[in-house]
Every structure is written in C-alpha cells, then in structure tokens.
N, C-alpha and C. Protein backbone atom coordinates (compact mmCIF):
# COMPACT_ATOMS: atom_id res chain seq x y z
N UNK A 1 -4.99 -0.29 -5.36
CA UNK A 1 -4.21 0.89 -5.15
C UNK A 1 -3.65 0.87 -3.75
N UNK A 2 -2.59 1.63 -3.59
CA UNK A 2 -1.94 1.64 -2.28
C UNK A 2 -1.38 3.02 -1.98
N UNK A 3 -0.97 3.19 -0.74
CA UNK A 3 -0.48 4.49 -0.34
C UNK A 3 0.73 4.43 0.57
N UNK A 4 1.64 5.33 0.35
CA UNK A 4 2.80 5.51 1.21
C UNK A 4 2.52 6.73 2.08
N UNK A 5 2.51 6.52 3.39
CA UNK A 5 2.26 7.60 4.35
C UNK A 5 3.48 7.69 5.25
N UNK A 6 4.02 8.89 5.37
CA UNK A 6 5.19 9.10 6.22
C UNK A 6 4.86 10.10 7.32
N UNK A 7 5.54 9.92 8.42
CA UNK A 7 5.50 10.87 9.52
C UNK A 7 6.95 11.15 9.87
N UNK A 8 7.52 12.16 9.22
CA UNK A 8 8.95 12.41 9.36
C UNK A 8 9.72 11.25 8.76
N UNK A 9 10.54 10.59 9.58
CA UNK A 9 11.35 9.46 9.12
C UNK A 9 10.62 8.12 9.29
N UNK A 10 9.37 8.15 9.67
CA UNK A 10 8.59 6.93 9.88
C UNK A 10 7.70 6.64 8.68
N UNK A 11 7.43 5.35 8.44
CA UNK A 11 6.59 4.90 7.33
C UNK A 11 5.45 4.06 7.90
N UNK A 12 4.23 4.34 7.46
CA UNK A 12 3.06 3.61 7.91
C UNK A 12 2.90 2.31 7.12
N UNK A 13 2.86 1.20 7.82
CA UNK A 13 2.62 -0.10 7.20
C UNK A 13 1.48 -0.80 7.91
N UNK A 14 0.86 -1.74 7.21
CA UNK A 14 -0.16 -2.59 7.81
C UNK A 14 0.32 -4.03 7.77
N UNK A 15 -0.02 -4.78 8.80
CA UNK A 15 0.26 -6.22 8.82
C UNK A 15 -1.07 -6.89 8.54
N UNK A 16 -1.07 -7.70 7.49
CA UNK A 16 -2.33 -8.29 7.04
C UNK A 16 -2.16 -9.77 6.76
N UNK A 17 -3.29 -10.48 6.77
CA UNK A 17 -3.29 -11.89 6.41
C UNK A 17 -4.63 -12.22 5.77
N UNK A 18 -4.56 -12.60 4.49
CA UNK A 18 -5.74 -13.05 3.77
C UNK A 18 -5.94 -14.54 3.96
N UNK A 19 -7.05 -15.06 3.49
CA UNK A 19 -7.36 -16.48 3.69
C UNK A 19 -6.36 -17.44 3.04
N UNK A 20 -5.65 -17.00 2.01
CA UNK A 20 -4.69 -17.86 1.33
C UNK A 20 -3.23 -17.58 1.73
N UNK A 21 -3.03 -16.70 2.70
CA UNK A 21 -1.69 -16.35 3.14
C UNK A 21 -1.27 -17.27 4.28
N UNK A 22 -0.05 -17.80 4.18
CA UNK A 22 0.46 -18.72 5.21
C UNK A 22 0.66 -18.01 6.55
N UNK A 23 1.01 -16.74 6.51
CA UNK A 23 1.27 -15.97 7.72
C UNK A 23 1.02 -14.50 7.44
N UNK A 24 0.83 -13.69 8.48
CA UNK A 24 0.68 -12.25 8.26
C UNK A 24 1.96 -11.65 7.67
N UNK A 25 1.81 -10.58 6.90
CA UNK A 25 2.96 -9.89 6.32
C UNK A 25 2.67 -8.40 6.29
N UNK A 26 3.74 -7.62 6.20
CA UNK A 26 3.64 -6.16 6.19
C UNK A 26 3.57 -5.64 4.76
N UNK A 27 2.80 -4.59 4.55
CA UNK A 27 2.72 -3.91 3.26
C UNK A 27 2.23 -2.48 3.49
N UNK A 28 2.27 -1.70 2.42
CA UNK A 28 1.63 -0.38 2.47
C UNK A 28 0.13 -0.59 2.52
N UNK A 29 -0.61 0.30 3.16
CA UNK A 29 -2.07 0.16 3.17
C UNK A 29 -2.64 0.36 1.77
N UNK A 30 -3.78 -0.27 1.52
CA UNK A 30 -4.43 -0.14 0.22
C UNK A 30 -5.40 -1.26 -0.02
N UNK A 31 -5.94 -1.30 -1.22
CA UNK A 31 -6.91 -2.34 -1.56
C UNK A 31 -7.54 -2.09 -2.90
N UNK A 32 -8.70 -2.67 -3.09
CA UNK A 32 -9.37 -2.60 -4.38
C UNK A 32 -10.28 -1.37 -4.48
N UNK A 33 -10.40 -0.90 -5.70
CA UNK A 33 -11.31 0.20 -6.01
C UNK A 33 -12.72 -0.40 -6.16
N UNK A 34 -13.67 0.16 -5.42
CA UNK A 34 -15.05 -0.32 -5.50
C UNK A 34 -15.80 0.43 -6.59
N UNK A 35 -16.89 -0.13 -7.01
CA UNK A 35 -17.72 0.48 -8.05
C UNK A 35 -18.06 1.92 -7.69
N UNK A 36 -17.82 2.83 -8.64
CA UNK A 36 -18.14 4.25 -8.44
C UNK A 36 -17.03 5.04 -7.78
N UNK A 37 -15.94 4.40 -7.38
CA UNK A 37 -14.83 5.10 -6.74
C UNK A 37 -13.74 5.44 -7.75
N UNK A 38 -13.02 6.49 -7.48
CA UNK A 38 -11.77 6.76 -8.19
C UNK A 38 -10.66 6.05 -7.42
N UNK A 39 -9.49 5.83 -8.03
CA UNK A 39 -8.40 5.24 -7.26
C UNK A 39 -8.05 6.05 -6.01
N UNK A 40 -8.02 7.37 -6.12
CA UNK A 40 -7.71 8.20 -4.96
C UNK A 40 -8.82 8.11 -3.91
N UNK A 41 -10.06 8.09 -4.34
CA UNK A 41 -11.17 7.93 -3.41
C UNK A 41 -11.10 6.59 -2.68
N UNK A 42 -10.69 5.55 -3.40
CA UNK A 42 -10.53 4.23 -2.78
C UNK A 42 -9.42 4.27 -1.74
N UNK A 43 -8.34 4.99 -2.04
CA UNK A 43 -7.25 5.09 -1.08
C UNK A 43 -7.70 5.81 0.19
N UNK A 44 -8.46 6.86 0.03
CA UNK A 44 -8.99 7.59 1.19
C UNK A 44 -9.78 6.61 2.07
N UNK A 45 -10.65 5.82 1.46
CA UNK A 45 -11.48 4.86 2.21
C UNK A 45 -10.62 3.78 2.84
N UNK A 46 -9.71 3.19 2.06
CA UNK A 46 -8.88 2.09 2.57
C UNK A 46 -7.98 2.56 3.72
N UNK A 47 -7.39 3.73 3.59
CA UNK A 47 -6.56 4.24 4.69
C UNK A 47 -7.37 4.41 5.96
N UNK A 48 -8.57 4.96 5.83
CA UNK A 48 -9.43 5.15 7.00
C UNK A 48 -9.77 3.81 7.64
N UNK A 49 -10.15 2.81 6.81
CA UNK A 49 -10.53 1.50 7.33
C UNK A 49 -9.34 0.76 7.93
N UNK A 50 -8.23 0.72 7.21
CA UNK A 50 -7.10 -0.11 7.60
C UNK A 50 -6.23 0.52 8.68
N UNK A 51 -6.23 1.87 8.76
CA UNK A 51 -5.29 2.52 9.68
C UNK A 51 -5.92 3.58 10.58
N UNK A 52 -7.08 4.10 10.22
CA UNK A 52 -7.66 5.22 10.96
C UNK A 52 -7.18 6.57 10.49
N UNK A 53 -6.20 6.60 9.59
CA UNK A 53 -5.63 7.85 9.09
C UNK A 53 -6.56 8.46 8.04
N UNK A 54 -6.77 9.77 8.13
CA UNK A 54 -7.58 10.49 7.15
C UNK A 54 -6.65 11.18 6.16
N UNK A 55 -6.78 10.84 4.90
CA UNK A 55 -5.94 11.41 3.85
C UNK A 55 -6.52 12.74 3.38
N UNK A 56 -5.70 13.78 3.41
CA UNK A 56 -6.13 15.10 2.95
C UNK A 56 -5.66 15.38 1.52
N UNK A 57 -4.41 15.01 1.22
CA UNK A 57 -3.85 15.22 -0.11
C UNK A 57 -2.85 14.11 -0.40
N UNK A 58 -2.73 13.77 -1.69
CA UNK A 58 -1.75 12.77 -2.10
C UNK A 58 -1.37 13.02 -3.54
N UNK A 59 -0.21 12.49 -3.91
CA UNK A 59 0.23 12.60 -5.29
C UNK A 59 0.52 11.20 -5.83
N UNK A 60 0.20 10.95 -7.11
CA UNK A 60 0.52 9.65 -7.68
C UNK A 60 2.03 9.50 -7.81
N UNK A 61 2.54 8.29 -7.47
CA UNK A 61 3.99 8.11 -7.51
C UNK A 61 4.42 7.01 -8.47
N UNK A 62 3.74 5.88 -8.50
CA UNK A 62 4.06 4.82 -9.45
C UNK A 62 2.84 3.93 -9.63
N UNK A 63 2.92 3.04 -10.62
CA UNK A 63 1.83 2.11 -10.90
C UNK A 63 2.37 0.70 -11.01
N UNK A 64 1.51 -0.26 -10.72
CA UNK A 64 1.82 -1.67 -10.90
C UNK A 64 0.78 -2.25 -11.84
N UNK A 65 1.23 -2.95 -12.86
CA UNK A 65 0.32 -3.61 -13.80
C UNK A 65 0.54 -5.11 -13.68
N UNK A 66 -0.55 -5.83 -13.44
CA UNK A 66 -0.52 -7.29 -13.38
C UNK A 66 -1.12 -7.83 -14.67
N UNK A 67 -0.37 -8.66 -15.37
CA UNK A 67 -0.81 -9.22 -16.65
C UNK A 67 -1.33 -10.64 -16.42
N UNK A 68 -2.60 -10.84 -16.72
CA UNK A 68 -3.24 -12.14 -16.59
C UNK A 68 -3.60 -12.65 -17.98
N UNK A 69 -2.58 -13.17 -18.69
CA UNK A 69 -2.76 -13.70 -20.05
C UNK A 69 -3.42 -12.69 -20.98
N UNK A 70 -2.88 -11.47 -20.97
CA UNK A 70 -3.37 -10.42 -21.86
C UNK A 70 -4.37 -9.48 -21.23
N UNK A 71 -4.98 -9.86 -20.11
CA UNK A 71 -5.90 -8.97 -19.39
C UNK A 71 -5.08 -8.28 -18.31
N UNK A 72 -5.03 -6.95 -18.35
CA UNK A 72 -4.20 -6.22 -17.42
C UNK A 72 -5.01 -5.62 -16.27
N UNK A 73 -4.45 -5.75 -15.07
CA UNK A 73 -5.01 -5.14 -13.86
C UNK A 73 -4.04 -4.06 -13.43
N UNK A 74 -4.54 -2.85 -13.26
CA UNK A 74 -3.72 -1.69 -12.97
C UNK A 74 -3.90 -1.28 -11.52
N UNK A 75 -2.80 -0.94 -10.86
CA UNK A 75 -2.83 -0.52 -9.45
C UNK A 75 -2.00 0.76 -9.31
N UNK A 76 -2.64 1.82 -8.87
CA UNK A 76 -1.96 3.10 -8.67
C UNK A 76 -1.47 3.20 -7.24
N UNK A 77 -0.28 3.76 -7.06
CA UNK A 77 0.24 4.04 -5.73
C UNK A 77 0.39 5.54 -5.57
N UNK A 78 0.05 6.01 -4.40
CA UNK A 78 0.10 7.43 -4.06
C UNK A 78 0.98 7.62 -2.84
N UNK A 79 1.52 8.83 -2.72
CA UNK A 79 2.22 9.21 -1.50
C UNK A 79 1.42 10.33 -0.86
N UNK A 80 1.10 10.15 0.41
CA UNK A 80 0.35 11.17 1.15
C UNK A 80 1.21 12.42 1.29
N UNK A 81 0.64 13.56 0.97
CA UNK A 81 1.33 14.83 1.16
C UNK A 81 0.72 15.60 2.33
N UNK A 82 -0.49 15.22 2.73
CA UNK A 82 -1.14 15.80 3.92
C UNK A 82 -2.14 14.79 4.45
N UNK A 83 -2.10 14.58 5.77
CA UNK A 83 -3.01 13.63 6.41
C UNK A 83 -3.17 14.04 7.87
N UNK A 84 -4.16 13.46 8.52
CA UNK A 84 -4.34 13.70 9.95
C UNK A 84 -4.97 12.46 10.58
N UNK A 85 -4.98 12.43 11.89
CA UNK A 85 -5.59 11.32 12.61
C UNK A 85 -4.57 10.46 13.33
N UNK A 86 -5.07 9.41 13.93
CA UNK A 86 -4.21 8.48 14.66
C UNK A 86 -4.62 7.06 14.31
N UNK A 87 -3.76 6.12 14.59
CA UNK A 87 -3.98 4.74 14.18
C UNK A 87 -5.12 4.11 14.97
N UNK A 88 -6.05 3.53 14.20
CA UNK A 88 -7.19 2.80 14.74
C UNK A 88 -7.69 1.87 13.64
N UNK A 89 -7.29 0.61 13.68
CA UNK A 89 -7.68 -0.36 12.64
C UNK A 89 -9.15 -0.71 12.78
N UNK A 90 -9.88 -0.60 11.67
CA UNK A 90 -11.30 -0.99 11.62
C UNK A 90 -11.57 -1.57 10.23
N UNK A 91 -10.83 -2.62 9.87
CA UNK A 91 -10.89 -3.21 8.54
C UNK A 91 -12.11 -4.12 8.40
N UNK A 92 -13.09 -3.74 7.58
CA UNK A 92 -14.29 -4.58 7.43
C UNK A 92 -14.00 -5.92 6.76
N UNK A 93 -12.87 -6.01 6.05
CA UNK A 93 -12.49 -7.28 5.42
C UNK A 93 -11.83 -8.23 6.41
N UNK A 94 -11.40 -7.72 7.55
CA UNK A 94 -10.78 -8.54 8.57
C UNK A 94 -9.38 -9.02 8.23
N UNK A 95 -8.74 -8.45 7.21
CA UNK A 95 -7.40 -8.88 6.82
C UNK A 95 -6.30 -8.15 7.58
N UNK A 96 -6.51 -6.87 7.87
CA UNK A 96 -5.49 -6.08 8.55
C UNK A 96 -5.58 -6.35 10.05
N UNK A 97 -4.46 -6.83 10.61
CA UNK A 97 -4.42 -7.16 12.03
C UNK A 97 -3.67 -6.11 12.84
N UNK A 98 -2.93 -5.23 12.15
CA UNK A 98 -2.16 -4.21 12.85
C UNK A 98 -1.74 -3.13 11.86
N UNK A 99 -1.64 -1.91 12.34
CA UNK A 99 -1.08 -0.80 11.57
C UNK A 99 -0.11 -0.08 12.48
N UNK A 100 1.03 0.32 11.91
CA UNK A 100 2.05 0.94 12.75
C UNK A 100 3.00 1.77 11.90
N UNK A 101 3.48 2.88 12.48
CA UNK A 101 4.56 3.63 11.87
C UNK A 101 5.88 2.97 12.28
N UNK A 102 6.71 2.65 11.29
CA UNK A 102 8.02 2.03 11.52
C UNK A 102 9.11 2.95 11.00
N UNK A 103 10.29 2.83 11.58
CA UNK A 103 11.43 3.57 11.04
C UNK A 103 11.64 3.11 9.60
N UNK A 104 12.29 3.92 8.80
CA UNK A 104 12.53 3.56 7.41
C UNK A 104 13.26 2.22 7.31
N UNK A 105 14.30 2.03 8.10
CA UNK A 105 15.04 0.76 8.07
C UNK A 105 14.15 -0.42 8.46
N UNK A 106 13.34 -0.25 9.50
CA UNK A 106 12.45 -1.34 9.93
C UNK A 106 11.36 -1.60 8.90
N UNK A 107 10.87 -0.53 8.25
CA UNK A 107 9.85 -0.70 7.21
C UNK A 107 10.43 -1.48 6.03
N UNK A 108 11.63 -1.14 5.63
CA UNK A 108 12.28 -1.86 4.52
C UNK A 108 12.49 -3.32 4.89
N UNK A 109 12.97 -3.59 6.11
CA UNK A 109 13.17 -4.97 6.55
C UNK A 109 11.85 -5.74 6.58
N UNK A 110 10.79 -5.10 7.05
CA UNK A 110 9.48 -5.76 7.11
C UNK A 110 8.95 -6.05 5.71
N UNK A 111 9.10 -5.11 4.79
CA UNK A 111 8.62 -5.31 3.42
C UNK A 111 9.43 -6.38 2.69
N UNK A 112 10.71 -6.49 2.99
CA UNK A 112 11.53 -7.50 2.34
C UNK A 112 11.02 -8.92 2.59
N UNK A 113 10.30 -9.12 3.68
CA UNK A 113 9.77 -10.44 4.01
C UNK A 113 8.39 -10.70 3.40
N UNK A 114 7.80 -9.72 2.73
CA UNK A 114 6.47 -9.91 2.13
C UNK A 114 6.53 -10.94 1.01
N UNK A 115 5.50 -11.78 0.88
CA UNK A 115 5.56 -12.89 -0.07
C UNK A 115 5.27 -12.53 -1.53
N UNK A 116 4.70 -11.38 -1.81
CA UNK A 116 4.25 -11.06 -3.17
C UNK A 116 5.14 -9.97 -3.79
N UNK A 117 5.89 -10.35 -4.82
CA UNK A 117 6.83 -9.43 -5.47
C UNK A 117 6.14 -8.16 -5.97
N UNK A 118 4.95 -8.29 -6.53
CA UNK A 118 4.25 -7.13 -7.09
C UNK A 118 3.84 -6.13 -6.02
N UNK A 119 3.69 -6.58 -4.79
CA UNK A 119 3.41 -5.67 -3.68
C UNK A 119 4.70 -5.18 -3.05
N UNK A 120 5.66 -6.06 -2.91
CA UNK A 120 6.88 -5.81 -2.17
C UNK A 120 7.88 -4.93 -2.93
N UNK A 121 8.24 -5.34 -4.14
CA UNK A 121 9.36 -4.72 -4.84
C UNK A 121 9.14 -3.25 -5.21
N UNK A 122 7.98 -2.86 -5.73
CA UNK A 122 7.79 -1.42 -6.03
C UNK A 122 7.83 -0.55 -4.77
N UNK A 123 7.23 -1.04 -3.68
CA UNK A 123 7.26 -0.27 -2.43
C UNK A 123 8.69 -0.12 -1.93
N UNK A 124 9.47 -1.20 -2.00
CA UNK A 124 10.87 -1.13 -1.59
C UNK A 124 11.67 -0.17 -2.47
N UNK A 125 11.45 -0.24 -3.77
CA UNK A 125 12.16 0.66 -4.69
C UNK A 125 11.87 2.12 -4.35
N UNK A 126 10.60 2.44 -4.07
CA UNK A 126 10.24 3.81 -3.74
C UNK A 126 10.90 4.25 -2.43
N UNK A 127 10.81 3.41 -1.41
CA UNK A 127 11.38 3.78 -0.11
C UNK A 127 12.90 3.89 -0.15
N UNK A 128 13.55 3.13 -1.03
CA UNK A 128 15.00 3.19 -1.16
C UNK A 128 15.47 4.30 -2.09
N UNK A 129 14.53 5.03 -2.68
CA UNK A 129 14.90 6.10 -3.62
C UNK A 129 15.35 5.59 -4.96
N UNK A 130 14.93 4.37 -5.33
CA UNK A 130 15.35 3.74 -6.59
C UNK A 130 14.22 3.70 -7.62
N UNK A 131 13.22 4.53 -7.44
CA UNK A 131 12.04 4.52 -8.31
C UNK A 131 11.75 5.94 -8.77
N UNK A 132 11.75 6.14 -10.08
CA UNK A 132 11.40 7.45 -10.63
C UNK A 132 9.90 7.68 -10.52
N UNK A 133 9.53 8.92 -10.31
CA UNK A 133 8.13 9.30 -10.27
C UNK A 133 7.45 8.89 -11.58
N UNK A 134 6.32 8.23 -11.49
CA UNK A 134 5.56 7.81 -12.68
C UNK A 134 5.95 6.46 -13.25
N UNK A 135 6.89 5.78 -12.62
CA UNK A 135 7.33 4.47 -13.14
C UNK A 135 6.18 3.47 -13.14
N UNK A 136 6.20 2.59 -14.13
CA UNK A 136 5.23 1.50 -14.22
C UNK A 136 5.97 0.18 -14.05
N UNK A 137 5.58 -0.58 -13.04
CA UNK A 137 6.13 -1.92 -12.79
C UNK A 137 5.17 -2.93 -13.41
N UNK A 138 5.70 -3.97 -14.06
CA UNK A 138 4.87 -5.00 -14.68
C UNK A 138 5.22 -6.37 -14.12
N UNK A 139 4.18 -7.15 -13.81
CA UNK A 139 4.35 -8.50 -13.27
C UNK A 139 3.28 -9.40 -13.86
N UNK A 140 3.56 -10.70 -13.96
CA UNK A 140 2.48 -11.63 -14.29
C UNK A 140 1.55 -11.73 -13.07
N UNK A 141 0.28 -11.89 -13.31
CA UNK A 141 -0.65 -12.01 -12.18
C UNK A 141 -0.47 -13.39 -11.55
N UNK A 142 -0.29 -13.41 -10.23
CA UNK A 142 -0.08 -14.71 -9.55
C UNK A 142 -1.32 -15.59 -9.61
C-alpha cells in the first residue's frame, strides 16, 4: 500500500533503493501490510517509519493489482486528508534514504524516472488528474 501526502502544492515523496535496484528512485511512501494490520494501519506505520509524518485521516483513492500467473497481489493507495509532524526518516528496512516535499512538477518529473511501471504510472496518473477515484490498475508481477 502507498500514500499520497500533500502540503498545499507540494507532494511528499521518498527516495529509496532496495538490494536489487540499480540506483535510488523516488516514489510515494508505502510498503507491505504486516500480519494483523489493515492496509490503512500499515500506511500509518510506513509513513511514520519512512517519513516521520503522522497520518490522522486518509481516503482510499486507487488500487494496483499485480498478477503473478493467476495469483493476485493487491495494493491500496490512499490520499492523506489530515496529517501532522515533520520529516524524519527512520526506516527499519534501510531502503528509504531521503524523504522530501517536492513541487507538483518536480514530483512528476521524479516519478517519471522510477523504474517500476506498477509503482510509477498510477501515482503519475493521480497527480496529473488522469485517474478516477476507485480506479484499479492491473500489471503483471515483475
């Protein structure tokens, strides 16, 4: 699951690099749902870890489904409607190297360079106003 957090005309992104990534890339903050968590609960935790931001309220905006030869993995995206705090990265996974609010144009440019279509394209569609609320994006699992 992932989250879109805005501060006026600014968009919060994280720069991350996993062990199989050639270079760091920008994306919306988020991650995996752990056992016993709801998707929204996981987003609250991931935002706190990856950015230091405390999520107060959010609404579901779109979903991404990854198809792995008939086995589907579902990822919910939310948009923060209320939050507080300031940026302080404390990612226990060690993947997030930076979190920053970027202008909408800079956020779009940063996301365009992301290597994974399933992460990049839905976020870009939402930020560009080209995504209806509740849309489901489908991709083959890489």
